Amino acid sequence: MTSKIAIGPPRLAINQGRSFLVTEQDGQISWPTNKGLYASDTRLISSWQLYANGEPWDLLNSASIAHFAAKIYLVNQAFATETSDVRAGDLGLIIGRAELCGRP
């Protein structure tokens, strides 16, 4: 009898107790999706996106660094401001996430 192994799309997942967070690798939650922040089987956040002057960020790297924590490294895409242009890669953003629900 052969077993079928299925691998889904890449994602980040962290959990603590009865809460868990599942996002895309860049840390975003694009609607519509089943990803999000859940606590006791209730989804609390179903969409979360981050922009720099209307432009999405580019993913450099991300990983779950523990069952309850993740790090995401992003850089900007090029965009114009009122006074000048910002080149792609001029800005960096690090997102650190930790599930600490239920801790005193």
N, C-alpha and C. Protein backbone atom coordinates (compact mmCIF):
# COMPACT_ATOMS: atom_id res chain seq x y z
N MET A 1 0.86 -1.17 0.00
CA MET A 1 0.00 0.00 0.00
C MET A 1 0.90 1.23 0.00
N THR A 2 0.67 2.14 -0.91
CA THR A 2 1.49 3.36 -0.97
C THR A 2 0.80 4.49 -0.22
N SER A 3 1.63 5.35 0.35
CA SER A 3 1.12 6.52 1.07
C SER A 3 1.32 7.75 0.21
N LYS A 4 0.35 8.62 0.23
CA LYS A 4 0.45 9.86 -0.51
C LYS A 4 0.89 10.96 0.46
N ILE A 5 1.94 11.66 0.09
CA ILE A 5 2.43 12.77 0.90
C ILE A 5 2.07 14.06 0.19
N ALA A 6 1.35 14.92 0.88
CA ALA A 6 0.94 16.20 0.29
C ALA A 6 1.59 17.33 1.08
N ILE A 7 2.18 18.26 0.35
CA ILE A 7 2.80 19.41 0.99
C ILE A 7 2.04 20.65 0.56
N GLY A 8 1.57 21.41 1.52
CA GLY A 8 0.80 22.62 1.23
C GLY A 8 1.70 23.80 0.97
N PRO A 9 1.10 24.95 0.75
CA PRO A 9 1.89 26.16 0.51
C PRO A 9 2.70 26.54 1.76
N PRO A 10 3.84 27.20 1.57
CA PRO A 10 4.65 27.62 2.72
C PRO A 10 3.86 28.55 3.62
N ARG A 11 4.10 28.45 4.92
CA ARG A 11 3.42 29.30 5.89
C ARG A 11 4.23 29.38 7.16
N LEU A 12 3.91 30.35 8.00
CA LEU A 12 4.49 30.44 9.34
C LEU A 12 3.38 30.10 10.33
N ALA A 13 3.71 29.33 11.34
CA ALA A 13 2.73 28.97 12.36
C ALA A 13 3.40 28.99 13.72
N ILE A 14 2.75 29.64 14.67
CA ILE A 14 3.22 29.64 16.06
C ILE A 14 2.02 29.40 16.96
N ASN A 15 2.28 28.86 18.14
CA ASN A 15 1.18 28.60 19.07
C ASN A 15 1.65 28.68 20.51
N GLN A 16 0.68 28.93 21.38
CA GLN A 16 0.92 28.92 22.82
C GLN A 16 -0.40 28.58 23.48
N GLY A 17 -0.43 27.48 24.18
CA GLY A 17 -1.67 27.07 24.84
C GLY A 17 -2.77 26.83 23.83
N ARG A 18 -3.90 27.53 23.99
CA ARG A 18 -5.05 27.34 23.11
C ARG A 18 -5.14 28.41 22.02
N SER A 19 -4.07 29.16 21.81
CA SER A 19 -4.08 30.15 20.73
C SER A 19 -2.99 29.81 19.72
N PHE A 20 -3.23 30.17 18.45
CA PHE A 20 -2.23 29.96 17.41
C PHE A 20 -2.41 31.00 16.31
N LEU A 21 -1.30 31.26 15.61
CA LEU A 21 -1.26 32.23 14.52
C LEU A 21 -0.68 31.54 13.29
N VAL A 22 -1.38 31.63 12.16
CA VAL A 22 -0.91 31.08 10.90
C VAL A 22 -0.94 32.21 9.87
N THR A 23 0.23 32.46 9.22
CA THR A 23 0.34 33.53 8.23
C THR A 23 1.10 33.02 7.01
N GLU A 24 1.13 33.86 5.96
CA GLU A 24 2.03 33.58 4.85
C GLU A 24 3.46 33.75 5.37
N GLN A 25 4.45 33.38 4.56
CA GLN A 25 5.84 33.49 5.01
C GLN A 25 6.27 34.92 5.27
N ASP A 26 5.65 35.89 4.59
CA ASP A 26 6.00 37.29 4.81
C ASP A 26 5.25 37.89 5.99
N GLY A 27 4.51 37.08 6.74
CA GLY A 27 3.81 37.53 7.93
C GLY A 27 2.43 38.08 7.69
N GLN A 28 2.01 38.14 6.44
CA GLN A 28 0.71 38.72 6.13
C GLN A 28 -0.39 37.67 6.14
N ILE A 29 -1.60 38.16 6.27
CA ILE A 29 -2.80 37.33 6.19
C ILE A 29 -3.67 37.99 5.14
N SER A 30 -3.71 37.41 3.95
CA SER A 30 -4.47 37.98 2.84
C SER A 30 -5.86 37.37 2.78
N TRP A 31 -6.86 38.22 2.80
CA TRP A 31 -8.26 37.77 2.74
C TRP A 31 -8.63 37.44 1.32
N PRO A 32 -9.40 36.43 1.00
CA PRO A 32 -9.99 35.44 1.90
C PRO A 32 -9.01 34.29 2.17
N THR A 33 -9.05 33.77 3.37
CA THR A 33 -8.13 32.72 3.78
C THR A 33 -8.65 32.04 5.04
N ASN A 34 -8.06 30.91 5.36
CA ASN A 34 -8.34 30.28 6.65
C ASN A 34 -7.21 30.57 7.64
N LYS A 35 -6.22 31.35 7.20
CA LYS A 35 -5.13 31.75 8.10
C LYS A 35 -5.64 32.82 9.05
N GLY A 36 -4.88 33.08 10.11
CA GLY A 36 -5.26 34.13 11.04
C GLY A 36 -4.82 33.82 12.46
N LEU A 37 -5.28 34.64 13.38
CA LEU A 37 -5.03 34.44 14.81
C LEU A 37 -6.26 33.82 15.42
N TYR A 38 -6.08 32.65 16.03
CA TYR A 38 -7.18 31.92 16.64
C TYR A 38 -6.92 31.77 18.14
N ALA A 39 -7.99 31.87 18.91
CA ALA A 39 -7.94 31.60 20.35
C ALA A 39 -9.17 30.78 20.71
N SER A 40 -8.96 29.62 21.28
CA SER A 40 -10.06 28.72 21.65
C SER A 40 -11.03 28.51 20.51
N ASP A 41 -10.52 28.21 19.32
CA ASP A 41 -11.30 27.92 18.12
C ASP A 41 -12.10 29.10 17.57
N THR A 42 -11.78 30.32 17.99
CA THR A 42 -12.41 31.52 17.46
C THR A 42 -11.35 32.34 16.74
N ARG A 43 -11.60 32.67 15.47
CA ARG A 43 -10.64 33.49 14.73
C ARG A 43 -10.83 34.94 15.13
N LEU A 44 -9.75 35.55 15.64
CA LEU A 44 -9.77 36.93 16.09
C LEU A 44 -9.28 37.89 15.02
N ILE A 45 -8.31 37.47 14.20
CA ILE A 45 -7.78 38.29 13.11
C ILE A 45 -7.82 37.45 11.84
N SER A 46 -8.47 37.98 10.79
CA SER A 46 -8.59 37.23 9.54
C SER A 46 -7.88 37.93 8.38
N SER A 47 -7.36 39.14 8.59
CA SER A 47 -6.63 39.85 7.55
C SER A 47 -5.63 40.80 8.22
N TRP A 48 -4.39 40.81 7.70
CA TRP A 48 -3.36 41.71 8.22
C TRP A 48 -2.34 41.92 7.12
N GLN A 49 -2.20 43.17 6.69
CA GLN A 49 -1.25 43.48 5.63
C GLN A 49 -0.50 44.75 5.99
N LEU A 50 0.72 44.84 5.50
CA LEU A 50 1.62 45.94 5.82
C LEU A 50 2.20 46.52 4.55
N TYR A 51 2.18 47.86 4.44
CA TYR A 51 2.67 48.54 3.24
C TYR A 51 3.61 49.68 3.63
N ALA A 52 4.49 50.05 2.68
CA ALA A 52 5.33 51.24 2.81
C ALA A 52 4.88 52.20 1.72
N ASN A 53 4.15 53.23 2.10
CA ASN A 53 3.62 54.21 1.16
C ASN A 53 2.80 53.54 0.05
N GLY A 54 2.00 52.57 0.42
CA GLY A 54 1.13 51.88 -0.52
C GLY A 54 1.76 50.71 -1.26
N GLU A 55 3.05 50.48 -1.07
CA GLU A 55 3.76 49.38 -1.74
C GLU A 55 3.99 48.23 -0.77
N PRO A 56 3.80 46.99 -1.23
CA PRO A 56 4.07 45.84 -0.35
C PRO A 56 5.56 45.69 -0.09
N TRP A 57 5.89 44.98 0.97
CA TRP A 57 7.28 44.69 1.32
C TRP A 57 7.72 43.40 0.63
N ASP A 58 9.01 43.25 0.40
CA ASP A 58 9.57 42.03 -0.17
C ASP A 58 10.20 41.20 0.93
N LEU A 59 9.95 39.92 0.90
CA LEU A 59 10.46 38.99 1.91
C LEU A 59 11.93 38.67 1.66
N LEU A 60 12.75 38.82 2.69
CA LEU A 60 14.13 38.35 2.64
C LEU A 60 14.22 36.95 3.23
N ASN A 61 13.65 36.78 4.43
CA ASN A 61 13.71 35.50 5.11
C ASN A 61 12.70 35.50 6.25
N SER A 62 12.25 34.34 6.64
CA SER A 62 11.37 34.21 7.79
C SER A 62 11.45 32.79 8.31
N ALA A 63 11.14 32.65 9.59
CA ALA A 63 11.16 31.31 10.19
C ALA A 63 10.48 31.34 11.54
N SER A 64 9.91 30.20 11.90
CA SER A 64 9.46 29.99 13.28
C SER A 64 10.71 29.63 14.07
N ILE A 65 11.09 30.45 15.03
CA ILE A 65 12.32 30.21 15.78
C ILE A 65 12.07 29.39 17.05
N ALA A 66 10.83 29.21 17.41
CA ALA A 66 10.39 28.36 18.51
C ALA A 66 8.92 28.07 18.26
N HIS A 67 8.32 27.16 19.02
CA HIS A 67 6.91 26.86 18.76
C HIS A 67 6.02 28.07 19.00
N PHE A 68 6.49 29.05 19.79
CA PHE A 68 5.68 30.21 20.14
C PHE A 68 6.21 31.52 19.54
N ALA A 69 7.23 31.48 18.66
CA ALA A 69 7.84 32.72 18.17
C ALA A 69 8.28 32.59 16.71
N ALA A 70 8.24 33.74 16.01
CA ALA A 70 8.69 33.79 14.60
C ALA A 70 9.39 35.12 14.35
N LYS A 71 10.30 35.13 13.39
CA LYS A 71 11.00 36.34 12.93
C LYS A 71 10.80 36.46 11.44
N ILE A 72 10.56 37.69 10.97
CA ILE A 72 10.33 37.96 9.56
C ILE A 72 11.20 39.14 9.17
N TYR A 73 11.97 39.00 8.09
CA TYR A 73 12.85 40.06 7.60
C TYR A 73 12.36 40.51 6.23
N LEU A 74 12.06 41.81 6.11
CA LEU A 74 11.50 42.39 4.89
C LEU A 74 12.31 43.59 4.44
N VAL A 75 12.25 43.91 3.15
CA VAL A 75 12.81 45.15 2.60
C VAL A 75 11.75 45.80 1.71
N ASN A 76 11.90 47.11 1.53
CA ASN A 76 10.90 47.85 0.76
C ASN A 76 11.07 47.69 -0.74
N GLN A 77 9.96 47.90 -1.45
CA GLN A 77 10.00 48.09 -2.89
C GLN A 77 10.18 49.59 -3.13
N ALA A 78 10.60 49.97 -4.32
CA ALA A 78 10.79 51.39 -4.63
C ALA A 78 9.45 52.13 -4.55
N PHE A 79 9.49 53.36 -4.02
CA PHE A 79 8.29 54.20 -3.99
C PHE A 79 8.69 55.66 -3.95
N ALA A 80 7.77 56.50 -4.37
CA ALA A 80 8.01 57.94 -4.40
C ALA A 80 7.34 58.60 -3.21
N THR A 81 7.99 59.63 -2.67
CA THR A 81 7.39 60.45 -1.62
C THR A 81 7.20 61.86 -2.17
N GLU A 82 6.70 62.76 -1.35
CA GLU A 82 6.49 64.14 -1.79
C GLU A 82 7.81 64.85 -2.09
N THR A 83 8.88 64.43 -1.44
CA THR A 83 10.15 65.13 -1.59
C THR A 83 11.20 64.37 -2.40
N SER A 84 11.12 63.04 -2.46
CA SER A 84 12.13 62.26 -3.18
C SER A 84 11.64 60.84 -3.43
N ASP A 85 12.48 60.07 -4.10
CA ASP A 85 12.19 58.65 -4.32
C ASP A 85 12.97 57.82 -3.32
N VAL A 86 12.35 56.74 -2.89
CA VAL A 86 13.03 55.77 -2.02
C VAL A 86 13.32 54.55 -2.87
N ARG A 87 14.59 54.20 -2.97
CA ARG A 87 14.99 53.06 -3.79
C ARG A 87 14.62 51.74 -3.12
N ALA A 88 14.42 50.72 -3.93
CA ALA A 88 14.14 49.38 -3.41
C ALA A 88 15.30 48.92 -2.53
N GLY A 89 14.98 48.38 -1.39
CA GLY A 89 16.01 47.87 -0.48
C GLY A 89 16.61 48.90 0.45
N ASP A 90 16.19 50.17 0.36
CA ASP A 90 16.72 51.20 1.26
C ASP A 90 16.23 51.02 2.70
N LEU A 91 15.04 50.45 2.86
CA LEU A 91 14.46 50.28 4.19
C LEU A 91 14.34 48.81 4.53
N GLY A 92 14.61 48.49 5.77
CA GLY A 92 14.44 47.12 6.24
C GLY A 92 13.45 47.10 7.39
N LEU A 93 12.73 46.01 7.51
CA LEU A 93 11.74 45.86 8.58
C LEU A 93 11.88 44.45 9.15
N ILE A 94 12.01 44.37 10.46
CA ILE A 94 12.06 43.08 11.14
C ILE A 94 10.82 42.97 12.01
N ILE A 95 10.06 41.91 11.82
CA ILE A 95 8.87 41.65 12.63
C ILE A 95 9.17 40.47 13.53
N GLY A 96 9.04 40.67 14.81
CA GLY A 96 9.19 39.59 15.78
C GLY A 96 7.83 39.31 16.40
N ARG A 97 7.42 38.08 16.37
CA ARG A 97 6.12 37.71 16.92
C ARG A 97 6.30 36.62 17.97
N ALA A 98 5.50 36.74 19.02
CA ALA A 98 5.51 35.72 20.07
C ALA A 98 4.10 35.56 20.62
N GLU A 99 3.67 34.33 20.78
CA GLU A 99 2.38 34.01 21.38
C GLU A 99 2.59 33.87 22.88
N LEU A 100 2.06 34.81 23.62
CA LEU A 100 2.25 34.78 25.07
C LEU A 100 0.93 34.74 25.81
N CYS A 101 -0.14 34.35 25.13
CA CYS A 101 -1.47 34.29 25.75
C CYS A 101 -1.48 33.35 26.94
N GLY A 102 -2.16 33.74 27.97
CA GLY A 102 -2.30 32.90 29.13
C GLY A 102 -1.17 32.99 30.12
N ARG A 103 -0.18 33.83 29.84
CA ARG A 103 0.92 33.99 30.80
C ARG A 103 0.61 35.13 31.74
N PRO A 104 0.98 35.02 33.03
CA PRO A 104 0.71 36.09 33.98
C PRO A 104 1.58 37.31 33.73
